[in-house]
Amino acid sequence: MEHNVNLAVQMLPLHTSQEDAYRIIDVAIACIQKSGLKYEVCPFETVIEGPYDVVMQLLNKMQDECYAAGAESILINMKLHRSKSKDMAIEDKTGKYKQ
């Protein structure tokens, strides 16, 4: 059985104005919202929770949609938390800090 992973992803459109960069980042976030996966938008990255293969497919779709929205080049910073024996959960990492 495949367990859930957490992927923290930051997509930075390069060679574009700040206004266009934010618009393209919004496209990536909209793609995550449509996925049905659990996620949390943070100021510098977005954390996604789900099965590894599904999360990686979503990452690919996010790139495609950013290119379709006008991105010429995207710098992607990722952090992946994966376990062979249990699900990774956003709530386990941040739940105690929520107000």
N, C-alpha and C. Protein backbone atom coordinates (compact mmCIF):
# COMPACT_ATOMS: atom_id res chain seq x y z
N MET A 1 0.84 -1.19 0.00
CA MET A 1 0.00 0.00 0.00
C MET A 1 0.88 1.24 0.00
N GLU A 2 0.53 2.16 -0.84
CA GLU A 2 1.29 3.41 -0.93
C GLU A 2 0.76 4.39 0.11
N HIS A 3 1.68 5.00 0.84
CA HIS A 3 1.30 5.95 1.88
C HIS A 3 1.34 7.38 1.35
N ASN A 4 0.61 8.24 2.02
CA ASN A 4 0.62 9.66 1.65
C ASN A 4 1.98 10.28 1.93
N VAL A 5 2.34 11.21 1.07
CA VAL A 5 3.56 12.00 1.23
C VAL A 5 3.16 13.45 1.46
N ASN A 6 4.12 14.23 1.90
CA ASN A 6 3.98 15.69 1.93
C ASN A 6 5.00 16.24 0.96
N LEU A 7 4.55 17.10 0.06
CA LEU A 7 5.43 17.80 -0.86
C LEU A 7 5.27 19.29 -0.63
N ALA A 8 6.37 19.94 -0.26
CA ALA A 8 6.39 21.40 -0.19
C ALA A 8 6.97 21.87 -1.51
N VAL A 9 6.24 22.71 -2.21
CA VAL A 9 6.68 23.13 -3.54
C VAL A 9 6.58 24.64 -3.67
N GLN A 10 7.62 25.21 -4.25
CA GLN A 10 7.68 26.64 -4.56
C GLN A 10 7.99 26.75 -6.05
N MET A 11 7.09 27.35 -6.79
CA MET A 11 7.29 27.53 -8.23
C MET A 11 7.55 29.01 -8.50
N LEU A 12 8.70 29.28 -9.08
CA LEU A 12 9.11 30.66 -9.34
C LEU A 12 9.27 30.89 -10.84
N PRO A 13 8.31 31.55 -11.46
CA PRO A 13 8.46 31.88 -12.88
C PRO A 13 9.63 32.85 -13.05
N LEU A 14 10.51 32.54 -13.97
CA LEU A 14 11.69 33.38 -14.21
C LEU A 14 11.47 34.28 -15.42
N HIS A 15 12.24 35.35 -15.46
CA HIS A 15 12.25 36.28 -16.60
C HIS A 15 10.86 36.86 -16.89
N THR A 16 10.18 37.27 -15.83
CA THR A 16 8.85 37.85 -15.97
C THR A 16 8.68 38.94 -14.92
N SER A 17 7.72 39.80 -15.12
CA SER A 17 7.46 40.86 -14.14
C SER A 17 6.89 40.25 -12.87
N GLN A 18 6.96 40.99 -11.78
CA GLN A 18 6.41 40.50 -10.51
C GLN A 18 4.91 40.25 -10.63
N GLU A 19 4.23 41.14 -11.33
CA GLU A 19 2.78 40.99 -11.53
C GLU A 19 2.47 39.70 -12.28
N ASP A 20 3.21 39.44 -13.36
CA ASP A 20 2.99 38.20 -14.12
C ASP A 20 3.38 36.98 -13.30
N ALA A 21 4.45 37.09 -12.51
CA ALA A 21 4.88 35.97 -11.68
C ALA A 21 3.77 35.58 -10.71
N TYR A 22 3.18 36.56 -10.04
CA TYR A 22 2.10 36.26 -9.09
C TYR A 22 0.89 35.65 -9.81
N ARG A 23 0.59 36.14 -10.99
CA ARG A 23 -0.53 35.59 -11.76
C ARG A 23 -0.27 34.12 -12.11
N ILE A 24 0.95 33.81 -12.50
CA ILE A 24 1.31 32.44 -12.86
C ILE A 24 1.31 31.54 -11.62
N ILE A 25 1.80 32.06 -10.50
CA ILE A 25 1.76 31.30 -9.25
C ILE A 25 0.31 31.00 -8.87
N ASP A 26 -0.58 31.95 -9.07
CA ASP A 26 -2.01 31.73 -8.81
C ASP A 26 -2.57 30.60 -9.68
N VAL A 27 -2.07 30.48 -10.90
CA VAL A 27 -2.49 29.39 -11.78
C VAL A 27 -2.06 28.05 -11.18
N ALA A 28 -0.83 27.99 -10.67
CA ALA A 28 -0.34 26.75 -10.05
C ALA A 28 -1.19 26.39 -8.83
N ILE A 29 -1.51 27.38 -8.01
CA ILE A 29 -2.32 27.13 -6.81
C ILE A 29 -3.73 26.69 -7.20
N ALA A 30 -4.30 27.28 -8.24
CA ALA A 30 -5.63 26.87 -8.72
C ALA A 30 -5.60 25.40 -9.17
N CYS A 31 -4.51 24.99 -9.77
CA CYS A 31 -4.36 23.60 -10.20
C CYS A 31 -4.39 22.67 -8.98
N ILE A 32 -3.72 23.08 -7.91
CA ILE A 32 -3.72 22.30 -6.67
C ILE A 32 -5.14 22.25 -6.10
N GLN A 33 -5.82 23.39 -6.08
CA GLN A 33 -7.18 23.45 -5.53
C GLN A 33 -8.12 22.50 -6.27
N LYS A 34 -7.96 22.39 -7.58
CA LYS A 34 -8.82 21.54 -8.39
C LYS A 34 -8.51 20.05 -8.22
N SER A 35 -7.34 19.74 -7.65
CA SER A 35 -6.90 18.35 -7.56
C SER A 35 -7.69 17.52 -6.56
N GLY A 36 -8.28 18.17 -5.57
CA GLY A 36 -8.98 17.44 -4.52
C GLY A 36 -8.06 16.95 -3.41
N LEU A 37 -6.76 17.18 -3.55
CA LEU A 37 -5.82 16.79 -2.50
C LEU A 37 -5.82 17.81 -1.37
N LYS A 38 -5.40 17.37 -0.21
CA LYS A 38 -5.25 18.28 0.92
C LYS A 38 -4.02 19.15 0.65
N TYR A 39 -4.12 20.43 0.98
CA TYR A 39 -3.00 21.34 0.75
C TYR A 39 -3.07 22.50 1.72
N GLU A 40 -1.95 23.19 1.86
CA GLU A 40 -1.88 24.39 2.69
C GLU A 40 -0.98 25.40 1.99
N VAL A 41 -1.55 26.56 1.66
CA VAL A 41 -0.78 27.63 1.02
C VAL A 41 -0.08 28.42 2.12
N CYS A 42 1.22 28.58 1.97
CA CYS A 42 2.04 29.34 2.91
C CYS A 42 2.66 30.51 2.14
N PRO A 43 3.27 31.47 2.82
CA PRO A 43 3.81 32.63 2.11
C PRO A 43 4.88 32.31 1.06
N PHE A 44 5.69 31.28 1.30
CA PHE A 44 6.80 31.01 0.39
C PHE A 44 6.69 29.70 -0.37
N GLU A 45 5.74 28.85 0.01
CA GLU A 45 5.57 27.56 -0.64
C GLU A 45 4.18 27.04 -0.32
N THR A 46 3.80 26.00 -1.03
CA THR A 46 2.54 25.33 -0.76
C THR A 46 2.84 23.87 -0.46
N VAL A 47 2.20 23.33 0.57
CA VAL A 47 2.40 21.94 0.97
C VAL A 47 1.20 21.13 0.49
N ILE A 48 1.48 20.01 -0.15
CA ILE A 48 0.45 19.13 -0.71
C ILE A 48 0.58 17.77 -0.03
N GLU A 49 -0.57 17.15 0.25
CA GLU A 49 -0.59 15.83 0.89
C GLU A 49 -1.38 14.87 0.01
N GLY A 50 -0.79 13.70 -0.25
CA GLY A 50 -1.48 12.70 -1.04
C GLY A 50 -0.55 11.57 -1.42
N PRO A 51 -1.06 10.57 -2.14
CA PRO A 51 -0.22 9.46 -2.60
C PRO A 51 0.90 9.98 -3.52
N TYR A 52 2.07 9.39 -3.40
CA TYR A 52 3.25 9.86 -4.13
C TYR A 52 2.97 10.05 -5.62
N ASP A 53 2.47 9.02 -6.28
CA ASP A 53 2.26 9.10 -7.73
C ASP A 53 1.27 10.20 -8.10
N VAL A 54 0.23 10.37 -7.31
CA VAL A 54 -0.77 11.40 -7.58
C VAL A 54 -0.16 12.79 -7.40
N VAL A 55 0.63 12.95 -6.35
CA VAL A 55 1.28 14.25 -6.09
C VAL A 55 2.27 14.58 -7.22
N MET A 56 3.02 13.59 -7.69
CA MET A 56 3.98 13.84 -8.78
C MET A 56 3.26 14.17 -10.09
N GLN A 57 2.13 13.51 -10.35
CA GLN A 57 1.34 13.85 -11.53
C GLN A 57 0.82 15.28 -11.43
N LEU A 58 0.40 15.67 -10.24
CA LEU A 58 -0.07 17.04 -10.02
C LEU A 58 1.06 18.03 -10.26
N LEU A 59 2.26 17.73 -9.79
CA LEU A 59 3.40 18.61 -10.00
C LEU A 59 3.64 18.82 -11.50
N ASN A 60 3.54 17.77 -12.28
CA ASN A 60 3.70 17.87 -13.72
C ASN A 60 2.60 18.73 -14.34
N LYS A 61 1.37 18.53 -13.89
CA LYS A 61 0.23 19.32 -14.39
C LYS A 61 0.40 20.80 -14.05
N MET A 62 0.89 21.08 -12.85
CA MET A 62 1.13 22.47 -12.44
C MET A 62 2.12 23.14 -13.39
N GLN A 63 3.17 22.43 -13.75
CA GLN A 63 4.16 22.99 -14.68
C GLN A 63 3.51 23.27 -16.03
N ASP A 64 2.77 22.30 -16.54
CA ASP A 64 2.11 22.47 -17.83
C ASP A 64 1.18 23.68 -17.83
N GLU A 65 0.42 23.85 -16.75
CA GLU A 65 -0.52 24.97 -16.68
C GLU A 65 0.20 26.30 -16.55
N CYS A 66 1.33 26.31 -15.85
CA CYS A 66 2.13 27.54 -15.75
C CYS A 66 2.70 27.93 -17.11
N TYR A 67 3.17 26.94 -17.86
CA TYR A 67 3.67 27.24 -19.22
C TYR A 67 2.53 27.75 -20.10
N ALA A 68 1.36 27.13 -19.98
CA ALA A 68 0.21 27.57 -20.77
C ALA A 68 -0.22 28.99 -20.39
N ALA A 69 0.06 29.39 -19.14
CA ALA A 69 -0.30 30.73 -18.67
C ALA A 69 0.75 31.78 -19.03
N GLY A 70 1.81 31.35 -19.72
CA GLY A 70 2.80 32.31 -20.19
C GLY A 70 4.18 32.20 -19.60
N ALA A 71 4.40 31.29 -18.67
CA ALA A 71 5.75 31.13 -18.11
C ALA A 71 6.68 30.59 -19.19
N GLU A 72 7.85 31.17 -19.28
CA GLU A 72 8.87 30.69 -20.21
C GLU A 72 9.79 29.69 -19.52
N SER A 73 10.04 29.94 -18.25
CA SER A 73 10.96 29.12 -17.46
C SER A 73 10.49 29.16 -16.01
N ILE A 74 10.60 28.03 -15.32
CA ILE A 74 10.14 27.96 -13.93
C ILE A 74 11.23 27.31 -13.08
N LEU A 75 11.57 27.97 -12.00
CA LEU A 75 12.47 27.39 -11.00
C LEU A 75 11.59 26.75 -9.94
N ILE A 76 11.80 25.45 -9.68
CA ILE A 76 10.96 24.72 -8.74
C ILE A 76 11.81 24.23 -7.58
N ASN A 77 11.48 24.69 -6.38
CA ASN A 77 12.10 24.20 -5.15
C ASN A 77 11.12 23.23 -4.50
N MET A 78 11.62 22.03 -4.15
CA MET A 78 10.74 21.01 -3.57
C MET A 78 11.38 20.39 -2.34
N LYS A 79 10.52 20.05 -1.40
CA LYS A 79 10.91 19.23 -0.24
C LYS A 79 9.88 18.12 -0.14
N LEU A 80 10.34 16.89 -0.07
CA LEU A 80 9.45 15.74 -0.04
C LEU A 80 9.67 14.96 1.25
N HIS A 81 8.59 14.66 1.96
CA HIS A 81 8.64 13.81 3.14
C HIS A 81 7.84 12.56 2.83
N ARG A 82 8.54 11.41 2.86
CA ARG A 82 7.93 10.14 2.47
C ARG A 82 8.38 9.05 3.45
N SER A 83 7.48 8.15 3.79
CA SER A 83 7.80 7.03 4.68
C SER A 83 7.34 5.74 4.04
N LYS A 84 8.09 4.66 4.27
CA LYS A 84 7.66 3.37 3.73
C LYS A 84 6.61 2.70 4.61
N SER A 85 6.40 3.22 5.83
CA SER A 85 5.53 2.52 6.76
C SER A 85 4.31 3.30 7.25
N LYS A 86 4.24 4.61 6.95
CA LYS A 86 3.08 5.36 7.43
C LYS A 86 2.81 6.58 6.55
N ASP A 87 1.59 7.10 6.69
CA ASP A 87 1.22 8.32 5.97
C ASP A 87 1.90 9.53 6.59
N MET A 88 2.28 10.47 5.75
CA MET A 88 2.77 11.76 6.20
C MET A 88 1.57 12.71 6.18
N ALA A 89 1.43 13.53 7.21
CA ALA A 89 0.27 14.42 7.31
C ALA A 89 0.71 15.83 7.66
N ILE A 90 0.13 16.79 6.95
CA ILE A 90 0.40 18.20 7.24
C ILE A 90 0.04 18.50 8.69
N GLU A 91 -1.09 17.99 9.12
CA GLU A 91 -1.60 18.26 10.47
C GLU A 91 -0.60 17.83 11.55
N ASP A 92 0.11 16.73 11.32
CA ASP A 92 1.10 16.27 12.30
C ASP A 92 2.23 17.28 12.49
N LYS A 93 2.53 18.02 11.45
CA LYS A 93 3.64 18.98 11.50
C LYS A 93 3.22 20.34 12.03
N THR A 94 2.00 20.75 11.72
CA THR A 94 1.61 22.14 12.02
C THR A 94 0.38 22.29 12.90
N GLY A 95 -0.33 21.22 13.14
CA GLY A 95 -1.60 21.30 13.87
C GLY A 95 -1.51 21.99 15.21
N LYS A 96 -0.46 21.72 15.95
CA LYS A 96 -0.36 22.31 17.30
C LYS A 96 -0.09 23.81 17.28
N TYR A 97 0.27 24.35 16.11
CA TYR A 97 0.57 25.77 16.02
C TYR A 97 -0.59 26.61 15.49
N LYS A 98 -1.64 25.97 15.03
CA LYS A 98 -2.76 26.70 14.45
C LYS A 98 -3.57 27.38 15.54
N GLN A 99 -4.01 28.59 15.26
CA GLN A 99 -4.77 29.37 16.23
C GLN A 99 -6.25 29.23 16.01
